[in-house]
Amino acid sequence: MYIMYNYRPHIKPYHRPYHRPYHRHQQLPYRCIIGVIDGSSIKTTKMSASTSLFVEIKHDTTSVKTFSITNNTSPKWDTNLSLNIDITRPIYITINHEGYLFNSIIGHGVFNLESLVINRHFFKKIALFETEREAQSNVGNIIAYLNLDIIIYNT
């Protein structure tokens, strides 16, 4: 009698696309510190005379924001934001205009972490596009550029 204990030996249990090696409430295995340095060539079509710009960074269900800078189309934030991350998932970056009643998104950016090496500094210039679909395909009308300083390490 043949006992089938591993019916798919070519698929490892932690490499299935739908299976996470951690519980959803458990702390993620990596920590990422993103330094938002500055933004450049921001197109001001959606902004009024008094502008307040801030950057929001999202990963899975967590999001962090920078402080707002007023009346500047080339803002310098020089701030560090930290996130617990899963390297297999991208980071979504948006630059927002802070309004009186609501915030409006000016540009979208997507950033994949799989190509980065752990425990090293990386400086990246991220292009921000009009829509999230353009940002994922990296083709479209560029709204602004963000300079980021990124480091990833084990928790």
C-alpha atoms as a PDB file:
ATOM      1  CA  MET A   1       0.000   0.000   0.000  1.00  0.00           C
ATOM      2  CA  TYR A   2       1.353   3.413  -1.015  1.00  0.00           C
ATOM      3  CA  ILE A   3       0.931   6.273   1.466  1.00  0.00           C
ATOM      4  CA  MET A   4       0.655   9.663  -0.126  1.00  0.00           C
ATOM      5  CA  TYR A   5       2.037  12.057   2.473  1.00  0.00           C
ATOM      6  CA  ASN A   6       3.165  14.796   0.079  1.00  0.00           C
ATOM      7  CA  TYR A   7       0.948  14.743  -2.979  1.00  0.00           C
ATOM      8  CA  ARG A   8       2.577  17.828  -4.566  1.00  0.00           C
ATOM      9  CA  PRO A   9       6.279  17.724  -3.725  1.00  0.00           C
ATOM     10  CA  HIS A  10       7.174  20.486  -6.210  1.00  0.00           C
ATOM     11  CA  ILE A  11       5.105  23.075  -4.293  1.00  0.00           C
ATOM     12  CA  LYS A  12       6.546  24.055  -0.934  1.00  0.00           C
ATOM     13  CA  PRO A  13       3.969  25.106   1.666  1.00  0.00           C
ATOM     14  CA  TYR A  14       5.309  28.651   2.149  1.00  0.00           C
ATOM     15  CA  HIS A  15       5.708  29.373  -1.568  1.00  0.00           C
ATOM     16  CA  ARG A  16       2.076  29.096  -2.581  1.00  0.00           C
ATOM     17  CA  PRO A  17       0.735  32.451  -3.770  1.00  0.00           C
ATOM     18  CA  TYR A  18      -2.286  32.354  -1.443  1.00  0.00           C
ATOM     19  CA  HIS A  19      -0.437  31.167   1.666  1.00  0.00           C
ATOM     20  CA  ARG A  20       1.328  33.581   4.018  1.00  0.00           C
ATOM     21  CA  PRO A  21       4.056  32.269   6.324  1.00  0.00           C
ATOM     22  CA  TYR A  22       2.665  34.437   9.129  1.00  0.00           C
ATOM     23  CA  HIS A  23      -0.725  35.043  10.681  1.00  0.00           C
ATOM     24  CA  ARG A  24      -2.446  38.251   9.604  1.00  0.00           C
ATOM     25  CA  HIS A  25      -2.202  39.699  13.148  1.00  0.00           C
ATOM     26  CA  GLN A  26       1.403  38.650  13.585  1.00  0.00           C
ATOM     27  CA  GLN A  27       4.218  41.131  13.141  1.00  0.00           C
ATOM     28  CA  LEU A  28       5.638  41.172   9.617  1.00  0.00           C
ATOM     29  CA  PRO A  29       9.209  39.900   9.183  1.00  0.00           C
ATOM     30  CA  TYR A  30      10.808  43.112   7.847  1.00  0.00           C
ATOM     31  CA  ARG A  31      10.885  46.746   8.846  1.00  0.00           C
ATOM     32  CA  CYS A  32      11.252  49.500   6.269  1.00  0.00           C
ATOM     33  CA  ILE A  33      12.300  53.069   6.974  1.00  0.00           C
ATOM     34  CA  ILE A  34      11.445  55.410   4.122  1.00  0.00           C
ATOM     35  CA  GLY A  35      12.950  58.865   4.219  1.00  0.00           C
ATOM     36  CA  VAL A  36      10.878  61.259   2.137  1.00  0.00           C
ATOM     37  CA  ILE A  37      13.456  63.845   1.094  1.00  0.00           C
ATOM     38  CA  ASP A  38      11.783  66.162  -1.398  1.00  0.00           C
ATOM     39  CA  GLY A  39       9.451  66.473  -4.365  1.00  0.00           C
ATOM     40  CA  SER A  40      10.156  68.192  -7.650  1.00  0.00           C
ATOM     41  CA  SER A  41       8.302  69.428 -10.746  1.00  0.00           C
ATOM     42  CA  ILE A  42       4.859  69.032  -9.184  1.00  0.00           C
ATOM     43  CA  LYS A  43       2.199  70.081 -11.683  1.00  0.00           C
ATOM     44  CA  THR A  44      -0.260  72.365  -9.948  1.00  0.00           C
ATOM     45  CA  THR A  45      -3.396  71.845 -12.054  1.00  0.00           C
ATOM     46  CA  LYS A  46      -5.501  70.595  -9.120  1.00  0.00           C
ATOM     47  CA  MET A  47      -4.177  73.054  -6.542  1.00  0.00           C
ATOM     48  CA  SER A  48      -5.430  76.449  -5.507  1.00  0.00           C
ATOM     49  CA  ALA A  49      -3.382  79.514  -4.639  1.00  0.00           C
ATOM     50  CA  SER A  50      -2.698  78.296  -1.089  1.00  0.00           C
ATOM     51  CA  THR A  51      -1.460  74.729  -1.341  1.00  0.00           C
ATOM     52  CA  SER A  52      -0.723  72.184   1.363  1.00  0.00           C
ATOM     53  CA  LEU A  53       1.064  69.080   0.108  1.00  0.00           C
ATOM     54  CA  PHE A  54       1.782  65.859   1.973  1.00  0.00           C
ATOM     55  CA  VAL A  55       2.923  62.335   1.042  1.00  0.00           C
ATOM     56  CA  GLU A  56       1.042  59.196   2.093  1.00  0.00           C
ATOM     57  CA  ILE A  57       2.698  55.763   1.958  1.00  0.00           C
ATOM     58  CA  LYS A  58       0.520  52.623   2.087  1.00  0.00           C
ATOM     59  CA  HIS A  59       1.411  48.952   2.479  1.00  0.00           C
ATOM     60  CA  ASP A  60      -1.355  46.344   2.937  1.00  0.00           C
ATOM     61  CA  THR A  61      -3.622  47.957   5.555  1.00  0.00           C
ATOM     62  CA  THR A  62      -1.163  50.390   7.159  1.00  0.00           C
ATOM     63  CA  SER A  63      -0.543  53.930   5.993  1.00  0.00           C
ATOM     64  CA  VAL A  64       1.757  56.702   7.190  1.00  0.00           C
ATOM     65  CA  LYS A  65       1.797  60.389   6.245  1.00  0.00           C
ATOM     66  CA  THR A  66       4.271  63.241   6.233  1.00  0.00           C
ATOM     67  CA  PHE A  67       3.447  66.675   7.567  1.00  0.00           C
ATOM     68  CA  SER A  68       1.940  69.287   5.231  1.00  0.00           C
ATOM     69  CA  ILE A  69       3.993  71.964   3.499  1.00  0.00           C
ATOM     70  CA  THR A  70       2.139  75.064   2.308  1.00  0.00           C
ATOM     71  CA  ASN A  71       2.615  77.225  -0.796  1.00  0.00           C
ATOM     72  CA  ASN A  72       5.458  75.279  -2.394  1.00  0.00           C
ATOM     73  CA  THR A  73       5.592  73.266  -5.627  1.00  0.00           C
ATOM     74  CA  SER A  74       9.036  71.830  -4.769  1.00  0.00           C
ATOM     75  CA  PRO A  75       8.560  70.833  -1.121  1.00  0.00           C
ATOM     76  CA  LYS A  76      11.322  69.438   1.110  1.00  0.00           C
ATOM     77  CA  TRP A  77      10.008  67.128   3.819  1.00  0.00           C
ATOM     78  CA  ASP A  78      13.222  65.484   5.145  1.00  0.00           C
ATOM     79  CA  THR A  79      11.228  63.109   7.336  1.00  0.00           C
ATOM     80  CA  ASN A  80      11.487  59.374   8.090  1.00  0.00           C
ATOM     81  CA  LEU A  81       8.455  57.071   8.020  1.00  0.00           C
ATOM     82  CA  SER A  82       8.630  53.460   9.207  1.00  0.00           C
ATOM     83  CA  LEU A  83       6.479  50.455   8.287  1.00  0.00           C
ATOM     84  CA  ASN A  84       6.383  46.732   8.978  1.00  0.00           C
ATOM     85  CA  ILE A  85       6.387  45.172   5.524  1.00  0.00           C
ATOM     86  CA  ASP A  86       6.088  41.990   3.520  1.00  0.00           C
ATOM     87  CA  ILE A  87       8.718  42.152   0.769  1.00  0.00           C
ATOM     88  CA  THR A  88       6.526  40.352  -1.769  1.00  0.00           C
ATOM     89  CA  ARG A  89       3.936  43.167  -1.788  1.00  0.00           C
ATOM     90  CA  PRO A  90       4.449  46.647  -3.283  1.00  0.00           C
ATOM     91  CA  ILE A  91       4.347  49.991  -1.514  1.00  0.00           C
ATOM     92  CA  TYR A  92       1.872  52.575  -2.831  1.00  0.00           C
ATOM     93  CA  ILE A  93       2.865  56.238  -2.654  1.00  0.00           C
ATOM     94  CA  THR A  94       0.526  59.170  -3.191  1.00  0.00           C
ATOM     95  CA  ILE A  95       1.087  62.910  -3.031  1.00  0.00           C
ATOM     96  CA  ASN A  96      -1.979  64.721  -1.774  1.00  0.00           C
ATOM     97  CA  HIS A  97      -3.340  68.246  -1.658  1.00  0.00           C
ATOM     98  CA  GLU A  98      -4.792  68.981   1.763  1.00  0.00           C
ATOM     99  CA  GLY A  99      -8.083  70.801   1.373  1.00  0.00           C
ATOM    100  CA  TYR A 100     -10.475  72.412   3.814  1.00  0.00           C
ATOM    101  CA  LEU A 101     -13.128  69.674   3.637  1.00  0.00           C
ATOM    102  CA  PHE A 102     -11.280  66.778   1.992  1.00  0.00           C
ATOM    103  CA  ASN A 103      -7.898  65.754   0.601  1.00  0.00           C
ATOM    104  CA  SER A 104      -7.413  65.261  -3.140  1.00  0.00           C
ATOM    105  CA  ILE A 105      -4.788  62.978  -4.638  1.00  0.00           C
ATOM    106  CA  ILE A 106      -2.421  64.644  -7.096  1.00  0.00           C
ATOM    107  CA  GLY A 107      -0.203  61.700  -8.082  1.00  0.00           C
ATOM    108  CA  HIS A 108       0.220  57.940  -7.609  1.00  0.00           C
ATOM    109  CA  GLY A 109       3.370  55.827  -7.431  1.00  0.00           C
ATOM    110  CA  VAL A 110       4.054  52.106  -6.967  1.00  0.00           C
ATOM    111  CA  PHE A 111       7.297  50.760  -5.582  1.00  0.00           C
ATOM    112  CA  ASN A 112       8.345  47.075  -5.551  1.00  0.00           C
ATOM    113  CA  LEU A 113      10.665  45.959  -2.755  1.00  0.00           C
ATOM    114  CA  GLU A 114      11.754  42.560  -4.090  1.00  0.00           C
ATOM    115  CA  SER A 115      14.741  43.981  -5.968  1.00  0.00           C
ATOM    116  CA  LEU A 116      16.213  45.721  -2.906  1.00  0.00           C
ATOM    117  CA  VAL A 117      18.895  44.205  -0.680  1.00  0.00           C
ATOM    118  CA  ILE A 118      18.288  44.010   3.048  1.00  0.00           C
ATOM    119  CA  ASN A 119      20.363  46.200   5.433  1.00  0.00           C
ATOM    120  CA  ARG A 120      21.504  48.687   2.778  1.00  0.00           C
ATOM    121  CA  HIS A 121      20.565  52.273   1.998  1.00  0.00           C
ATOM    122  CA  PHE A 122      18.955  53.000  -1.358  1.00  0.00           C
ATOM    123  CA  PHE A 123      18.182  56.355  -2.905  1.00  0.00           C
ATOM    124  CA  LYS A 124      15.334  56.196  -5.420  1.00  0.00           C
ATOM    125  CA  LYS A 125      13.635  58.786  -7.548  1.00  0.00           C
ATOM    126  CA  ILE A 126      10.001  57.740  -7.918  1.00  0.00           C
ATOM    127  CA  ALA A 127       7.818  59.065 -10.730  1.00  0.00           C
ATOM    128  CA  LEU A 128       4.234  59.814  -9.726  1.00  0.00           C
ATOM    129  CA  PHE A 129       1.481  59.409 -12.325  1.00  0.00           C
ATOM    130  CA  GLU A 130      -2.101  60.694 -12.659  1.00  0.00           C
ATOM    131  CA  THR A 131      -3.812  57.353 -11.986  1.00  0.00           C
ATOM    132  CA  GLU A 132      -2.927  54.222 -10.045  1.00  0.00           C
ATOM    133  CA  ARG A 133      -3.187  52.117 -13.215  1.00  0.00           C
ATOM    134  CA  GLU A 134      -0.558  54.287 -14.933  1.00  0.00           C
ATOM    135  CA  ALA A 135       1.671  53.960 -11.881  1.00  0.00           C
ATOM    136  CA  GLN A 136       1.462  50.150 -11.901  1.00  0.00           C
ATOM    137  CA  SER A 137       2.337  49.971 -15.606  1.00  0.00           C
ATOM    138  CA  ASN A 138       4.916  52.795 -15.234  1.00  0.00           C
ATOM    139  CA  VAL A 139       3.617  54.441 -18.428  1.00  0.00           C
ATOM    140  CA  GLY A 140       1.626  57.661 -18.602  1.00  0.00           C
ATOM    141  CA  ASN A 141       1.582  61.331 -17.753  1.00  0.00           C
ATOM    142  CA  ILE A 142       4.135  62.059 -14.994  1.00  0.00           C
ATOM    143  CA  ILE A 143       2.822  64.530 -12.407  1.00  0.00           C
ATOM    144  CA  ALA A 144       5.808  64.777 -10.039  1.00  0.00           C
ATOM    145  CA  TYR A 145       8.997  63.118  -8.801  1.00  0.00           C
ATOM    146  CA  LEU A 146       9.793  62.097  -5.228  1.00  0.00           C
ATOM    147  CA  ASN A 147      13.286  61.434  -3.885  1.00  0.00           C
ATOM    148  CA  LEU A 148      13.301  58.655  -1.286  1.00  0.00           C
ATOM    149  CA  ASP A 149      15.924  57.176   1.027  1.00  0.00           C
ATOM    150  CA  ILE A 150      15.030  53.551   1.825  1.00  0.00           C
ATOM    151  CA  ILE A 151      16.461  50.945   4.210  1.00  0.00           C
ATOM    152  CA  ILE A 152      15.007  47.502   4.937  1.00  0.00           C
ATOM    153  CA  TYR A 153      16.090  45.297   7.844  1.00  0.00           C
ATOM    154  CA  ASN A 154      14.908  42.204   9.751  1.00  0.00           C
ATOM    155  CA  THR A 155      12.742  42.698  12.823  1.00  0.00           C
END
